[in-house]
Amino acid sequence: MAMRYLKNVVTLELDSAKCTGCGVCVEVCPHAVFRIENRKAVIVFRDLCMECGACARNCAFGALFVRAGVGCAAAVIHGKLHGIEPGCGCAETACCG
C-alpha cells in the first residue's frame, strides 16, 4: 500500500501547454506522481506528492509548480533535524484549513 499524505491539499500544478513530455518529472519524482501519456506528463497520483520540489526544479520548460517545503517533506525534515515528531504546523499556519 502506498503512503498517502493529506488529501487534496498539495500545491502541485502542471501546465500541460508548457510540457514537452521529456519525462524528467517521472524520473525525479520519488513517489511516482507522474506518468507520460500521449507525449505529455500527467499527474496520476496527486495525493502521493510530498512537495519536495524535485519535479519543478528539474523541469526545463516551467511546466510544473509546487511550493516546496510546505508539505509533508518539510515536516519530516524539520522533525528529524530537531529530534521532534514530524508535523506540518497547520495549527499555526492554517495550511490545511
N, C-alpha and C. Protein backbone atom coordinates (compact mmCIF):
# COMPACT_ATOMS: atom_id res chain seq x y z
N MET A 1 0.85 -1.19 0.00
CA MET A 1 0.00 0.00 0.00
C MET A 1 0.88 1.24 0.00
N ALA A 2 0.60 2.18 -0.88
CA ALA A 2 1.39 3.40 -0.99
C ALA A 2 1.02 4.38 0.12
N MET A 3 2.03 5.11 0.59
CA MET A 3 1.79 6.11 1.62
C MET A 3 1.08 7.31 1.01
N ARG A 4 0.05 7.75 1.66
CA ARG A 4 -0.68 8.93 1.20
C ARG A 4 -0.53 10.02 2.25
N TYR A 5 -0.53 11.24 1.80
CA TYR A 5 -0.41 12.38 2.69
C TYR A 5 -1.79 12.99 2.87
N LEU A 6 -1.90 14.22 3.19
CA LEU A 6 -3.20 14.86 3.37
C LEU A 6 -3.91 14.95 2.02
N LYS A 7 -5.17 14.60 1.99
CA LYS A 7 -5.92 14.54 0.75
C LYS A 7 -6.29 15.94 0.24
N ASN A 8 -6.04 16.16 -1.04
CA ASN A 8 -6.43 17.38 -1.76
C ASN A 8 -5.86 18.67 -1.20
N VAL A 9 -4.65 18.65 -0.66
CA VAL A 9 -4.03 19.89 -0.17
C VAL A 9 -2.70 20.20 -0.85
N VAL A 10 -2.26 19.36 -1.76
CA VAL A 10 -0.97 19.52 -2.41
C VAL A 10 -0.98 20.74 -3.33
N THR A 11 0.12 21.48 -3.33
CA THR A 11 0.22 22.69 -4.15
C THR A 11 0.70 22.40 -5.57
N LEU A 12 0.93 21.16 -5.91
CA LEU A 12 1.44 20.76 -7.22
C LEU A 12 0.50 21.17 -8.34
N GLU A 13 1.08 21.83 -9.37
CA GLU A 13 0.33 22.21 -10.55
C GLU A 13 1.14 21.88 -11.79
N LEU A 14 0.46 21.47 -12.84
CA LEU A 14 1.09 21.13 -14.11
C LEU A 14 0.43 21.94 -15.22
N ASP A 15 1.24 22.68 -15.98
CA ASP A 15 0.76 23.43 -17.14
C ASP A 15 1.05 22.58 -18.36
N SER A 16 0.07 21.83 -18.81
CA SER A 16 0.30 20.88 -19.91
C SER A 16 0.66 21.59 -21.21
N ALA A 17 0.30 22.86 -21.36
CA ALA A 17 0.67 23.59 -22.57
C ALA A 17 2.18 23.79 -22.66
N LYS A 18 2.86 23.87 -21.52
CA LYS A 18 4.31 24.04 -21.50
C LYS A 18 5.06 22.71 -21.49
N CYS A 19 4.38 21.63 -21.20
CA CYS A 19 5.02 20.32 -21.09
C CYS A 19 5.41 19.80 -22.47
N THR A 20 6.66 19.30 -22.57
CA THR A 20 7.15 18.72 -23.82
C THR A 20 7.17 17.20 -23.78
N GLY A 21 6.84 16.63 -22.61
CA GLY A 21 6.85 15.18 -22.48
C GLY A 21 8.24 14.59 -22.36
N CYS A 22 9.20 15.37 -21.89
CA CYS A 22 10.59 14.90 -21.79
C CYS A 22 10.76 13.78 -20.76
N GLY A 23 9.88 13.73 -19.75
CA GLY A 23 9.90 12.65 -18.78
C GLY A 23 10.80 12.86 -17.57
N VAL A 24 11.42 14.02 -17.47
CA VAL A 24 12.28 14.28 -16.32
C VAL A 24 11.49 14.22 -15.01
N CYS A 25 10.28 14.72 -15.00
CA CYS A 25 9.46 14.69 -13.78
C CYS A 25 9.22 13.25 -13.33
N VAL A 26 9.00 12.36 -14.28
CA VAL A 26 8.79 10.95 -13.97
C VAL A 26 10.05 10.36 -13.33
N GLU A 27 11.21 10.74 -13.86
CA GLU A 27 12.49 10.22 -13.35
C GLU A 27 12.82 10.72 -11.95
N VAL A 28 12.55 11.99 -11.65
CA VAL A 28 13.00 12.57 -10.38
C VAL A 28 11.98 12.45 -9.25
N CYS A 29 10.74 12.18 -9.55
CA CYS A 29 9.71 12.10 -8.51
C CYS A 29 9.89 10.84 -7.66
N PRO A 30 10.11 11.00 -6.35
CA PRO A 30 10.33 9.84 -5.50
C PRO A 30 9.09 8.99 -5.24
N HIS A 31 7.91 9.50 -5.58
CA HIS A 31 6.68 8.76 -5.30
C HIS A 31 5.83 8.47 -6.53
N ALA A 32 6.42 8.54 -7.70
CA ALA A 32 5.73 8.17 -8.95
C ALA A 32 4.40 8.91 -9.13
N VAL A 33 4.43 10.20 -8.92
CA VAL A 33 3.23 11.03 -9.06
C VAL A 33 2.85 11.22 -10.53
N PHE A 34 3.85 11.17 -11.41
CA PHE A 34 3.64 11.47 -12.83
C PHE A 34 3.75 10.23 -13.70
N ARG A 35 3.15 10.38 -14.89
CA ARG A 35 3.29 9.38 -15.95
C ARG A 35 3.24 10.15 -17.26
N ILE A 36 3.87 9.63 -18.29
CA ILE A 36 3.79 10.24 -19.62
C ILE A 36 2.68 9.53 -20.39
N GLU A 37 1.75 10.33 -20.87
CA GLU A 37 0.64 9.82 -21.68
C GLU A 37 0.47 10.72 -22.89
N ASN A 38 0.41 10.15 -24.06
CA ASN A 38 0.25 10.92 -25.29
C ASN A 38 1.26 12.06 -25.39
N ARG A 39 2.52 11.73 -25.04
CA ARG A 39 3.66 12.66 -25.15
C ARG A 39 3.55 13.88 -24.24
N LYS A 40 2.85 13.75 -23.14
CA LYS A 40 2.74 14.81 -22.13
C LYS A 40 2.76 14.16 -20.75
N ALA A 41 3.28 14.90 -19.78
CA ALA A 41 3.21 14.44 -18.40
C ALA A 41 1.80 14.64 -17.88
N VAL A 42 1.36 13.72 -17.07
CA VAL A 42 0.07 13.86 -16.38
C VAL A 42 0.29 13.49 -14.92
N ILE A 43 -0.47 14.13 -14.07
CA ILE A 43 -0.43 13.81 -12.64
C ILE A 43 -1.39 12.66 -12.41
N VAL A 44 -0.86 11.52 -11.98
CA VAL A 44 -1.72 10.35 -11.79
C VAL A 44 -1.96 10.02 -10.32
N PHE A 45 -1.07 10.43 -9.45
CA PHE A 45 -1.23 10.16 -8.02
C PHE A 45 -0.93 11.44 -7.22
N ARG A 46 -1.75 12.44 -7.41
CA ARG A 46 -1.54 13.77 -6.80
C ARG A 46 -1.34 13.70 -5.29
N ASP A 47 -2.12 12.92 -4.59
CA ASP A 47 -2.04 12.87 -3.13
C ASP A 47 -0.80 12.14 -2.61
N LEU A 48 -0.01 11.55 -3.52
CA LEU A 48 1.26 10.96 -3.10
C LEU A 48 2.39 11.99 -3.09
N CYS A 49 2.15 13.17 -3.65
CA CYS A 49 3.16 14.23 -3.70
C CYS A 49 3.51 14.69 -2.29
N MET A 50 4.82 14.72 -1.99
CA MET A 50 5.26 15.19 -0.68
C MET A 50 5.84 16.60 -0.77
N GLU A 51 5.64 17.25 -1.89
CA GLU A 51 6.04 18.63 -2.13
C GLU A 51 7.54 18.86 -1.94
N CYS A 52 8.35 17.90 -2.40
CA CYS A 52 9.81 18.05 -2.28
C CYS A 52 10.34 19.08 -3.28
N GLY A 53 9.64 19.26 -4.40
CA GLY A 53 10.04 20.25 -5.40
C GLY A 53 10.98 19.75 -6.48
N ALA A 54 11.34 18.48 -6.44
CA ALA A 54 12.28 17.94 -7.44
C ALA A 54 11.76 18.09 -8.86
N CYS A 55 10.49 17.87 -9.05
CA CYS A 55 9.92 17.96 -10.41
C CYS A 55 10.02 19.38 -10.95
N ALA A 56 9.61 20.36 -10.17
CA ALA A 56 9.62 21.75 -10.62
C ALA A 56 11.05 22.26 -10.83
N ARG A 57 11.96 21.89 -9.94
CA ARG A 57 13.36 22.33 -10.08
C ARG A 57 14.02 21.75 -11.32
N ASN A 58 13.58 20.59 -11.74
CA ASN A 58 14.21 19.93 -12.88
C ASN A 58 13.46 20.08 -14.20
N CYS A 59 12.32 20.75 -14.18
CA CYS A 59 11.56 20.97 -15.42
C CYS A 59 12.15 22.18 -16.14
N ALA A 60 12.81 21.93 -17.26
CA ALA A 60 13.46 23.00 -18.03
C ALA A 60 12.45 23.89 -18.76
N PHE A 61 11.20 23.49 -18.78
CA PHE A 61 10.20 24.20 -19.56
C PHE A 61 9.20 24.97 -18.69
N GLY A 62 9.37 24.92 -17.38
CA GLY A 62 8.49 25.66 -16.48
C GLY A 62 7.07 25.15 -16.44
N ALA A 63 6.90 23.87 -16.72
CA ALA A 63 5.56 23.30 -16.77
C ALA A 63 5.03 22.89 -15.39
N LEU A 64 5.90 22.86 -14.39
CA LEU A 64 5.49 22.40 -13.06
C LEU A 64 5.71 23.47 -12.00
N PHE A 65 4.79 23.51 -11.06
CA PHE A 65 4.91 24.40 -9.92
C PHE A 65 4.52 23.62 -8.67
N VAL A 66 5.29 23.80 -7.62
CA VAL A 66 4.95 23.25 -6.31
C VAL A 66 5.63 24.13 -5.27
N ARG A 67 4.94 24.43 -4.21
CA ARG A 67 5.53 25.20 -3.13
C ARG A 67 6.35 24.25 -2.27
N ALA A 68 7.57 24.01 -2.69
CA ALA A 68 8.45 23.07 -1.99
C ALA A 68 8.69 23.54 -0.57
N GLY A 69 8.69 22.58 0.34
CA GLY A 69 8.99 22.89 1.73
C GLY A 69 7.79 23.27 2.56
N VAL A 70 6.60 23.15 2.00
CA VAL A 70 5.41 23.50 2.78
C VAL A 70 4.60 22.28 3.20
N GLY A 71 4.93 21.13 2.68
CA GLY A 71 4.12 19.95 2.95
C GLY A 71 4.80 18.94 3.84
N CYS A 72 4.48 17.71 3.59
CA CYS A 72 4.96 16.61 4.42
C CYS A 72 6.47 16.47 4.40
N ALA A 73 7.10 16.75 3.26
CA ALA A 73 8.56 16.63 3.18
C ALA A 73 9.21 17.59 4.17
N ALA A 74 8.74 18.81 4.20
CA ALA A 74 9.31 19.80 5.13
C ALA A 74 9.09 19.38 6.57
N ALA A 75 7.93 18.82 6.86
CA ALA A 75 7.62 18.40 8.23
C ALA A 75 8.54 17.27 8.67
N VAL A 76 8.79 16.31 7.79
CA VAL A 76 9.66 15.19 8.12
C VAL A 76 11.10 15.67 8.33
N ILE A 77 11.58 16.51 7.42
CA ILE A 77 12.95 17.03 7.56
C ILE A 77 13.10 17.85 8.83
N HIS A 78 12.15 18.73 9.10
CA HIS A 78 12.20 19.56 10.30
C HIS A 78 12.20 18.68 11.56
N GLY A 79 11.35 17.68 11.59
CA GLY A 79 11.28 16.78 12.73
C GLY A 79 12.58 16.04 12.97
N LYS A 80 13.18 15.54 11.88
CA LYS A 80 14.45 14.82 12.01
C LYS A 80 15.57 15.74 12.49
N LEU A 81 15.62 16.95 11.95
CA LEU A 81 16.68 17.90 12.33
C LEU A 81 16.58 18.33 13.79
N HIS A 82 15.35 18.43 14.28
CA HIS A 82 15.15 18.95 15.63
C HIS A 82 14.79 17.87 16.65
N GLY A 83 14.79 16.59 16.20
CA GLY A 83 14.51 15.49 17.11
C GLY A 83 13.11 15.51 17.69
N ILE A 84 12.15 15.97 16.89
CA ILE A 84 10.76 16.04 17.33
C ILE A 84 9.87 15.25 16.37
N GLU A 85 8.66 15.02 16.80
CA GLU A 85 7.67 14.33 15.96
C GLU A 85 7.33 15.22 14.76
N PRO A 86 7.39 14.67 13.54
CA PRO A 86 7.07 15.47 12.36
C PRO A 86 5.63 16.00 12.41
N GLY A 87 5.46 17.23 12.01
CA GLY A 87 4.14 17.85 11.92
C GLY A 87 4.20 19.03 10.98
N CYS A 88 3.15 19.28 10.24
CA CYS A 88 3.18 20.37 9.27
C CYS A 88 2.92 21.72 9.91
N GLY A 89 2.51 21.74 11.17
CA GLY A 89 2.27 23.01 11.84
C GLY A 89 1.01 23.71 11.38
N CYS A 90 0.05 22.95 10.87
CA CYS A 90 -1.14 23.61 10.33
C CYS A 90 -1.95 24.31 11.39
N ALA A 91 -1.78 23.96 12.65
CA ALA A 91 -2.46 24.69 13.72
C ALA A 91 -1.95 26.12 13.78
N GLU A 92 -0.66 26.31 13.41
CA GLU A 92 -0.06 27.63 13.45
C GLU A 92 -0.27 28.41 12.15
N THR A 93 -0.31 27.72 11.01
CA THR A 93 -0.36 28.40 9.71
C THR A 93 -1.68 28.23 8.98
N ALA A 94 -2.54 27.39 9.45
CA ALA A 94 -3.83 27.10 8.82
C ALA A 94 -3.66 26.61 7.37
N CYS A 95 -2.59 25.86 7.10
CA CYS A 95 -2.34 25.40 5.73
C CYS A 95 -3.37 24.37 5.28
N CYS A 96 -3.99 23.70 6.19
CA CYS A 96 -4.95 22.65 5.83
C CYS A 96 -6.40 23.09 6.04
N GLY A 97 -6.61 24.28 6.45
CA GLY A 97 -7.98 24.68 6.77
C GLY A 97 -8.49 25.72 5.94
